[in-house]
Amino acid sequence: MYFVYLLKSAKDPEKTYVGYTADLRQRLETHNSGGSVHTAHSRPWKLVTFICFDSKMKALSFEKYLKSGSGNSFAQKRLW
C-alpha cells in the first residue's frame, strides 16, 4: 500500500504538511524525530488524515494534486 498523509504541527497548528510514503508509521516517526528538514522546525506533528492507494503512481498523483491550488482548497474543505 501507498499512503498520502496530512500532518498538522502540535506546536504551531497553522503549519501543515502533505506527504507520500509506503510506510506511514516510520514516516511519522521520522517527521517527529527531526529526520526531515522540511518539518523538523515545527515538531511534534500529529497525523490528521491518510488515504491508501494500491498504486504508487496514484498516490504520487494525489499528493501532487493536494499541493496544487484546487487540491489545497479541496483539502481545506474536506480533509483538515
PDB file of N, CA and C in Angstrom:
ATOM      1  N   MET A   1       0.835  -1.188   0.000  1.00  0.00           N
ATOM      2  CA  MET A   1       0.000   0.000   0.000  1.00  0.00           C
ATOM      3  C   MET A   1       0.878   1.250   0.000  1.00  0.00           C
ATOM      4  N   TYR A   2       0.317   2.312  -0.533  1.00  0.00           N
ATOM      5  CA  TYR A   2       0.979   3.610  -0.593  1.00  0.00           C
ATOM      6  C   TYR A   2       0.045   4.628   0.044  1.00  0.00           C
ATOM      7  N   PHE A   3       0.612   5.540   0.789  1.00  0.00           N
ATOM      8  CA  PHE A   3      -0.186   6.475   1.572  1.00  0.00           C
ATOM      9  C   PHE A   3       0.129   7.917   1.220  1.00  0.00           C
ATOM     10  N   VAL A   4      -0.927   8.719   1.154  1.00  0.00           N
ATOM     11  CA  VAL A   4      -0.799  10.175   1.123  1.00  0.00           C
ATOM     12  C   VAL A   4      -1.327  10.619   2.482  1.00  0.00           C
ATOM     13  N   TYR A   5      -0.542  11.439   3.177  1.00  0.00           N
ATOM     14  CA  TYR A   5      -0.908  11.785   4.544  1.00  0.00           C
ATOM     15  C   TYR A   5      -0.844  13.289   4.760  1.00  0.00           C
ATOM     16  N   LEU A   6      -1.641  13.740   5.706  1.00  0.00           N
ATOM     17  CA  LEU A   6      -1.693  15.146   6.075  1.00  0.00           C
ATOM     18  C   LEU A   6      -1.327  15.270   7.542  1.00  0.00           C
ATOM     19  N   LEU A   7      -0.350  16.112   7.829  1.00  0.00           N
ATOM     20  CA  LEU A   7       0.099  16.341   9.193  1.00  0.00           C
ATOM     21  C   LEU A   7      -0.183  17.774   9.608  1.00  0.00           C
ATOM     22  N   LYS A   8      -0.402  17.946  10.908  1.00  0.00           N
ATOM     23  CA  LYS A   8      -0.558  19.281  11.480  1.00  0.00           C
ATOM     24  C   LYS A   8       0.402  19.379  12.666  1.00  0.00           C
ATOM     25  N   SER A   9       1.069  20.505  12.774  1.00  0.00           N
ATOM     26  CA  SER A   9       2.007  20.721  13.862  1.00  0.00           C
ATOM     27  C   SER A   9       1.261  20.934  15.177  1.00  0.00           C
ATOM     28  N   ALA A  10       1.666  20.192  16.208  1.00  0.00           N
ATOM     29  CA  ALA A  10       1.086  20.397  17.537  1.00  0.00           C
ATOM     30  C   ALA A  10       1.633  21.683  18.154  1.00  0.00           C
ATOM     31  N   LYS A  11       2.836  22.059  17.763  1.00  0.00           N
ATOM     32  CA  LYS A  11       3.489  23.275  18.267  1.00  0.00           C
ATOM     33  C   LYS A  11       2.882  24.526  17.654  1.00  0.00           C
ATOM     34  N   ASP A  12       2.579  24.452  16.364  1.00  0.00           N
ATOM     35  CA  ASP A  12       2.034  25.589  15.621  1.00  0.00           C
ATOM     36  C   ASP A  12       0.942  25.068  14.683  1.00  0.00           C
ATOM     37  N   PRO A  13      -0.316  25.015  15.142  1.00  0.00           N
ATOM     38  CA  PRO A  13      -1.407  24.411  14.362  1.00  0.00           C
ATOM     39  C   PRO A  13      -1.651  25.023  12.983  1.00  0.00           C
ATOM     40  N   GLU A  14      -1.068  26.185  12.720  1.00  0.00           N
ATOM     41  CA  GLU A  14      -1.192  26.774  11.389  1.00  0.00           C
ATOM     42  C   GLU A  14      -0.277  26.084  10.378  1.00  0.00           C
ATOM     43  N   LYS A  15       0.724  25.366  10.863  1.00  0.00           N
ATOM     44  CA  LYS A  15       1.672  24.659   9.991  1.00  0.00           C
ATOM     45  C   LYS A  15       1.114  23.289   9.639  1.00  0.00           C
ATOM     46  N   THR A  16       1.095  23.007   8.348  1.00  0.00           N
ATOM     47  CA  THR A  16       0.607  21.714   7.866  1.00  0.00           C
ATOM     48  C   THR A  16       1.609  21.139   6.874  1.00  0.00           C
ATOM     49  N   TYR A  17       1.473  19.849   6.608  1.00  0.00           N
ATOM     50  CA  TYR A  17       2.375  19.167   5.682  1.00  0.00           C
ATOM     51  C   TYR A  17       1.611  18.049   4.984  1.00  0.00           C
ATOM     52  N   VAL A  18       1.828  17.917   3.688  1.00  0.00           N
ATOM     53  CA  VAL A  18       1.249  16.833   2.892  1.00  0.00           C
ATOM     54  C   VAL A  18       2.410  16.016   2.341  1.00  0.00           C
ATOM     55  N   GLY A  19       2.331  14.693   2.489  1.00  0.00           N
ATOM     56  CA  GLY A  19       3.407  13.847   2.007  1.00  0.00           C
ATOM     57  C   GLY A  19       2.911  12.505   1.500  1.00  0.00           C
ATOM     58  N   TYR A  20       3.872  11.723   1.014  1.00  0.00           N
ATOM     59  CA  TYR A  20       3.611  10.400   0.455  1.00  0.00           C
ATOM     60  C   TYR A  20       4.620   9.422   1.073  1.00  0.00           C
ATOM     61  N   THR A  21       4.184   8.180   1.314  1.00  0.00           N
ATOM     62  CA  THR A  21       5.083   7.158   1.826  1.00  0.00           C
ATOM     63  C   THR A  21       4.500   5.763   1.602  1.00  0.00           C
ATOM     64  N   ALA A  22       5.364   4.785   1.693  1.00  0.00           N
ATOM     65  CA  ALA A  22       4.921   3.390   1.668  1.00  0.00           C
ATOM     66  C   ALA A  22       4.879   2.823   3.087  1.00  0.00           C
ATOM     67  N   ASP A  23       5.467   3.533   4.055  1.00  0.00           N
ATOM     68  CA  ASP A  23       5.490   3.094   5.455  1.00  0.00           C
ATOM     69  C   ASP A  23       5.086   4.276   6.334  1.00  0.00           C
ATOM     70  N   LEU A  24       3.808   4.386   6.586  1.00  0.00           N
ATOM     71  CA  LEU A  24       3.255   5.551   7.285  1.00  0.00           C
ATOM     72  C   LEU A  24       3.797   5.680   8.705  1.00  0.00           C
ATOM     73  N   ARG A  25       3.840   4.607   9.436  1.00  0.00           N
ATOM     74  CA  ARG A  25       4.307   4.661  10.826  1.00  0.00           C
ATOM     75  C   ARG A  25       5.757   5.161  10.907  1.00  0.00           C
ATOM     76  N   GLN A  26       6.611   4.594  10.065  1.00  0.00           N
ATOM     77  CA  GLN A  26       8.022   5.006  10.060  1.00  0.00           C
ATOM     78  C   GLN A  26       8.166   6.461   9.623  1.00  0.00           C
ATOM     79  N   ARG A  27       7.390   6.869   8.643  1.00  0.00           N
ATOM     80  CA  ARG A  27       7.493   8.253   8.145  1.00  0.00           C
ATOM     81  C   ARG A  27       7.088   9.254   9.217  1.00  0.00           C
ATOM     82  N   LEU A  28       6.046   8.949   9.982  1.00  0.00           N
ATOM     83  CA  LEU A  28       5.620   9.838  11.064  1.00  0.00           C
ATOM     84  C   LEU A  28       6.709   9.923  12.138  1.00  0.00           C
ATOM     85  N   GLU A  29       7.345   8.798  12.444  1.00  0.00           N
ATOM     86  CA  GLU A  29       8.451   8.804  13.402  1.00  0.00           C
ATOM     87  C   GLU A  29       9.599   9.677  12.892  1.00  0.00           C
ATOM     88  N   THR A  30       9.872   9.596  11.599  1.00  0.00           N
ATOM     89  CA  THR A  30      10.931  10.413  11.007  1.00  0.00           C
ATOM     90  C   THR A  30      10.610  11.896  11.147  1.00  0.00           C
ATOM     91  N   HIS A  31       9.382  12.284  10.855  1.00  0.00           N
ATOM     92  CA  HIS A  31       8.990  13.694  10.997  1.00  0.00           C
ATOM     93  C   HIS A  31       9.136  14.150  12.445  1.00  0.00           C
ATOM     94  N   ASN A  32       8.701  13.332  13.384  1.00  0.00           N
ATOM     95  CA  ASN A  32       8.711  13.733  14.790  1.00  0.00           C
ATOM     96  C   ASN A  32      10.081  13.657  15.447  1.00  0.00           C
ATOM     97  N   SER A  33      11.021  12.962  14.828  1.00  0.00           N
ATOM     98  CA  SER A  33      12.375  12.896  15.386  1.00  0.00           C
ATOM     99  C   SER A  33      13.303  13.937  14.765  1.00  0.00           C
ATOM    100  N   GLY A  34      12.777  14.721  13.824  1.00  0.00           N
ATOM    101  CA  GLY A  34      13.579  15.753  13.188  1.00  0.00           C
ATOM    102  C   GLY A  34      14.346  15.260  11.976  1.00  0.00           C
ATOM    103  N   GLY A  35      14.003  14.096  11.475  1.00  0.00           N
ATOM    104  CA  GLY A  35      14.707  13.493  10.354  1.00  0.00           C
ATOM    105  C   GLY A  35      14.377  14.073   8.992  1.00  0.00           C
ATOM    106  N   SER A  36      13.419  14.966   8.935  1.00  0.00           N
ATOM    107  CA  SER A  36      13.057  15.620   7.679  1.00  0.00           C
ATOM    108  C   SER A  36      13.322  17.122   7.823  1.00  0.00           C
ATOM    109  N   VAL A  37      14.148  17.665   6.935  1.00  0.00           N
ATOM    110  CA  VAL A  37      14.482  19.090   7.036  1.00  0.00           C
ATOM    111  C   VAL A  37      13.271  19.986   6.822  1.00  0.00           C
ATOM    112  N   HIS A  38      12.272  19.489   6.116  1.00  0.00           N
ATOM    113  CA  HIS A  38      11.087  20.303   5.828  1.00  0.00           C
ATOM    114  C   HIS A  38      10.142  20.421   7.021  1.00  0.00           C
ATOM    115  N   THR A  39      10.239  19.499   7.969  1.00  0.00           N
ATOM    116  CA  THR A  39       9.295  19.504   9.086  1.00  0.00           C
ATOM    117  C   THR A  39       9.958  19.571  10.464  1.00  0.00           C
ATOM    118  N   ALA A  40      11.272  19.531  10.532  1.00  0.00           N
ATOM    119  CA  ALA A  40      11.979  19.471  11.818  1.00  0.00           C
ATOM    120  C   ALA A  40      11.671  20.669  12.716  1.00  0.00           C
ATOM    121  N   HIS A  41      11.505  21.837  12.141  1.00  0.00           N
ATOM    122  CA  HIS A  41      11.313  23.058  12.924  1.00  0.00           C
ATOM    123  C   HIS A  41       9.934  23.173  13.579  1.00  0.00           C
ATOM    124  N   SER A  42       8.962  22.381  13.153  1.00  0.00           N
ATOM    125  CA  SER A  42       7.598  22.523  13.684  1.00  0.00           C
ATOM    126  C   SER A  42       7.110  21.281  14.416  1.00  0.00           C
ATOM    127  N   ARG A  43       7.998  20.421  14.818  1.00  0.00           N
ATOM    128  CA  ARG A  43       7.566  19.207  15.504  1.00  0.00           C
ATOM    129  C   ARG A  43       7.161  19.496  16.927  1.00  0.00           C
ATOM    130  N   PRO A  44       6.341  18.692  17.521  1.00  0.00           N
ATOM    131  CA  PRO A  44       5.841  17.403  17.042  1.00  0.00           C
ATOM    132  C   PRO A  44       4.664  17.571  16.078  1.00  0.00           C
ATOM    133  N   TRP A  45       4.492  16.533  15.265  1.00  0.00           N
ATOM    134  CA  TRP A  45       3.426  16.500  14.272  1.00  0.00           C
ATOM    135  C   TRP A  45       2.391  15.470  14.663  1.00  0.00           C
ATOM    136  N   LYS A  46       1.138  15.767  14.329  1.00  0.00           N
ATOM    137  CA  LYS A  46       0.095  14.765  14.541  1.00  0.00           C
ATOM    138  C   LYS A  46      -0.536  14.436  13.190  1.00  0.00           C
ATOM    139  N   LEU A  47      -0.865  13.184  13.035  1.00  0.00           N
ATOM    140  CA  LEU A  47      -1.493  12.709  11.806  1.00  0.00           C
ATOM    141  C   LEU A  47      -2.956  13.126  11.803  1.00  0.00           C
ATOM    142  N   VAL A  48      -3.381  13.813  10.756  1.00  0.00           N
ATOM    143  CA  VAL A  48      -4.759  14.286  10.642  1.00  0.00           C
ATOM    144  C   VAL A  48      -5.563  13.341   9.762  1.00  0.00           C
ATOM    145  N   THR A  49      -5.031  13.014   8.591  1.00  0.00           N
ATOM    146  CA  THR A  49      -5.726  12.185   7.610  1.00  0.00           C
ATOM    147  C   THR A  49      -4.708  11.398   6.807  1.00  0.00           C
ATOM    148  N   PHE A  50      -5.090  10.179   6.412  1.00  0.00           N
ATOM    149  CA  PHE A  50      -4.283   9.477   5.426  1.00  0.00           C
ATOM    150  C   PHE A  50      -5.209   8.735   4.476  1.00  0.00           C
ATOM    151  N   ILE A  51      -4.754   8.600   3.240  1.00  0.00           N
ATOM    152  CA  ILE A  51      -5.521   7.917   2.194  1.00  0.00           C
ATOM    153  C   ILE A  51      -4.616   6.838   1.621  1.00  0.00           C
ATOM    154  N   CYS A  52      -5.147   5.621   1.493  1.00  0.00           N
ATOM    155  CA  CYS A  52      -4.380   4.480   0.981  1.00  0.00           C
ATOM    156  C   CYS A  52      -4.635   4.293  -0.511  1.00  0.00           C
ATOM    157  N   PHE A  53      -3.587   3.924  -1.221  1.00  0.00           N
ATOM    158  CA  PHE A  53      -3.668   3.630  -2.647  1.00  0.00           C
ATOM    159  C   PHE A  53      -2.968   2.308  -2.924  1.00  0.00           C
ATOM    160  N   ASP A  54      -3.456   1.588  -3.920  1.00  0.00           N
ATOM    161  CA  ASP A  54      -2.809   0.330  -4.299  1.00  0.00           C
ATOM    162  C   ASP A  54      -1.740   0.542  -5.360  1.00  0.00           C
ATOM    163  N   SER A  55      -1.606   1.758  -5.836  1.00  0.00           N
ATOM    164  CA  SER A  55      -0.649   2.089  -6.882  1.00  0.00           C
ATOM    165  C   SER A  55       0.198   3.279  -6.445  1.00  0.00           C
ATOM    166  N   LYS A  56       1.512   3.153  -6.620  1.00  0.00           N
ATOM    167  CA  LYS A  56       2.416   4.250  -6.286  1.00  0.00           C
ATOM    168  C   LYS A  56       2.109   5.483  -7.125  1.00  0.00           C
ATOM    169  N   MET A  57       1.832   5.278  -8.405  1.00  0.00           N
ATOM    170  CA  MET A  57       1.549   6.401  -9.293  1.00  0.00           C
ATOM    171  C   MET A  57       0.276   7.148  -8.884  1.00  0.00           C
ATOM    172  N   LYS A  58      -0.751   6.428  -8.457  1.00  0.00           N
ATOM    173  CA  LYS A  58      -1.985   7.078  -7.993  1.00  0.00           C
ATOM    174  C   LYS A  58      -1.705   7.916  -6.746  1.00  0.00           C
ATOM    175  N   ALA A  59      -0.916   7.362  -5.831  1.00  0.00           N
ATOM    176  CA  ALA A  59      -0.593   8.081  -4.597  1.00  0.00           C
ATOM    177  C   ALA A  59       0.207   9.348  -4.897  1.00  0.00           C
ATOM    178  N   LEU A  60       1.215   9.230  -5.740  1.00  0.00           N
ATOM    179  CA  LEU A  60       2.023  10.400  -6.085  1.00  0.00           C
ATOM    180  C   LEU A  60       1.202  11.457  -6.815  1.00  0.00           C
ATOM    181  N   SER A  61       0.303  11.000  -7.662  1.00  0.00           N
ATOM    182  CA  SER A  61      -0.561  11.927  -8.389  1.00  0.00           C
ATOM    183  C   SER A  61      -1.498  12.669  -7.426  1.00  0.00           C
ATOM    184  N   PHE A  62      -2.049  11.954  -6.445  1.00  0.00           N
ATOM    185  CA  PHE A  62      -2.948  12.588  -5.477  1.00  0.00           C
ATOM    186  C   PHE A  62      -2.183  13.556  -4.576  1.00  0.00           C
ATOM    187  N   GLU A  63      -0.971  13.192  -4.176  1.00  0.00           N
ATOM    188  CA  GLU A  63      -0.143  14.100  -3.381  1.00  0.00           C
ATOM    189  C   GLU A  63       0.114  15.392  -4.166  1.00  0.00           C
ATOM    190  N   LYS A  64       0.467  15.267  -5.420  1.00  0.00           N
ATOM    191  CA  LYS A  64       0.711  16.431  -6.270  1.00  0.00           C
ATOM    192  C   LYS A  64      -0.550  17.287  -6.379  1.00  0.00           C
ATOM    193  N   TYR A  65      -1.698  16.637  -6.528  1.00  0.00           N
ATOM    194  CA  TYR A  65      -2.970  17.358  -6.609  1.00  0.00           C
ATOM    195  C   TYR A  65      -3.219  18.155  -5.320  1.00  0.00           C
ATOM    196  N   LEU A  66      -3.021  17.519  -4.155  1.00  0.00           N
ATOM    197  CA  LEU A  66      -3.268  18.209  -2.885  1.00  0.00           C
ATOM    198  C   LEU A  66      -2.355  19.410  -2.701  1.00  0.00           C
ATOM    199  N   LYS A  67      -1.199  19.402  -3.347  1.00  0.00           N
ATOM    200  CA  LYS A  67      -0.267  20.525  -3.247  1.00  0.00           C
ATOM    201  C   LYS A  67      -0.543  21.611  -4.282  1.00  0.00           C
ATOM    202  N   SER A  68      -1.511  21.361  -5.171  1.00  0.00           N
ATOM    203  CA  SER A  68      -1.904  22.366  -6.166  1.00  0.00           C
ATOM    204  C   SER A  68      -2.953  23.297  -5.563  1.00  0.00           C
ATOM    205  N   GLY A  69      -3.283  24.349  -6.264  1.00  0.00           N
ATOM    206  CA  GLY A  69      -4.274  25.312  -5.773  1.00  0.00           C
ATOM    207  C   GLY A  69      -5.639  24.695  -5.517  1.00  0.00           C
ATOM    208  N   SER A  70      -6.189  23.982  -6.503  1.00  0.00           N
ATOM    209  CA  SER A  70      -7.522  23.394  -6.324  1.00  0.00           C
ATOM    210  C   SER A  70      -7.483  22.237  -5.328  1.00  0.00           C
ATOM    211  N   GLY A  71      -6.385  21.491  -5.319  1.00  0.00           N
ATOM    212  CA  GLY A  71      -6.253  20.389  -4.363  1.00  0.00           C
ATOM    213  C   GLY A  71      -6.135  20.903  -2.943  1.00  0.00           C
ATOM    214  N   ASN A  72      -5.430  22.010  -2.762  1.00  0.00           N
ATOM    215  CA  ASN A  72      -5.322  22.619  -1.443  1.00  0.00           C
ATOM    216  C   ASN A  72      -6.691  23.085  -0.959  1.00  0.00           C
ATOM    217  N   SER A  73      -7.486  23.674  -1.849  1.00  0.00           N
ATOM    218  CA  SER A  73      -8.852  24.098  -1.499  1.00  0.00           C
ATOM    219  C   SER A  73      -9.692  22.905  -1.091  1.00  0.00           C
ATOM    220  N   PHE A  74      -9.597  21.812  -1.848  1.00  0.00           N
ATOM    221  CA  PHE A  74     -10.322  20.582  -1.516  1.00  0.00           C
ATOM    222  C   PHE A  74      -9.906  20.085  -0.131  1.00  0.00           C
ATOM    223  N   ALA A  75      -8.613  20.044   0.125  1.00  0.00           N
ATOM    224  CA  ALA A  75      -8.124  19.555   1.415  1.00  0.00           C
ATOM    225  C   ALA A  75      -8.608  20.444   2.562  1.00  0.00           C
ATOM    226  N   GLN A  76      -8.586  21.757   2.366  1.00  0.00           N
ATOM    227  CA  GLN A  76      -9.055  22.667   3.405  1.00  0.00           C
ATOM    228  C   GLN A  76     -10.516  22.427   3.761  1.00  0.00           C
ATOM    229  N   LYS A  77     -11.325  22.124   2.761  1.00  0.00           N
ATOM    230  CA  LYS A  77     -12.752  21.921   2.991  1.00  0.00           C
ATOM    231  C   LYS A  77     -13.064  20.530   3.522  1.00  0.00           C
ATOM    232  N   ARG A  78     -12.314  19.522   3.075  1.00  0.00           N
ATOM    233  CA  ARG A  78     -12.716  18.132   3.335  1.00  0.00           C
ATOM    234  C   ARG A  78     -11.774  17.304   4.211  1.00  0.00           C
ATOM    235  N   LEU A  79     -10.502  17.658   4.280  1.00  0.00           N
ATOM    236  CA  LEU A  79      -9.552  16.754   4.921  1.00  0.00           C
ATOM    237  C   LEU A  79      -8.936  17.277   6.205  1.00  0.00           C
ATOM    238  N   TRP A  80      -8.805  18.588   6.349  1.00  0.00           N
ATOM    239  CA  TRP A  80      -8.202  19.126   7.567  1.00  0.00           C
ATOM    240  C   TRP A  80      -9.260  19.240   8.622  1.00  0.00           C
TER     241      TRP A  80
END
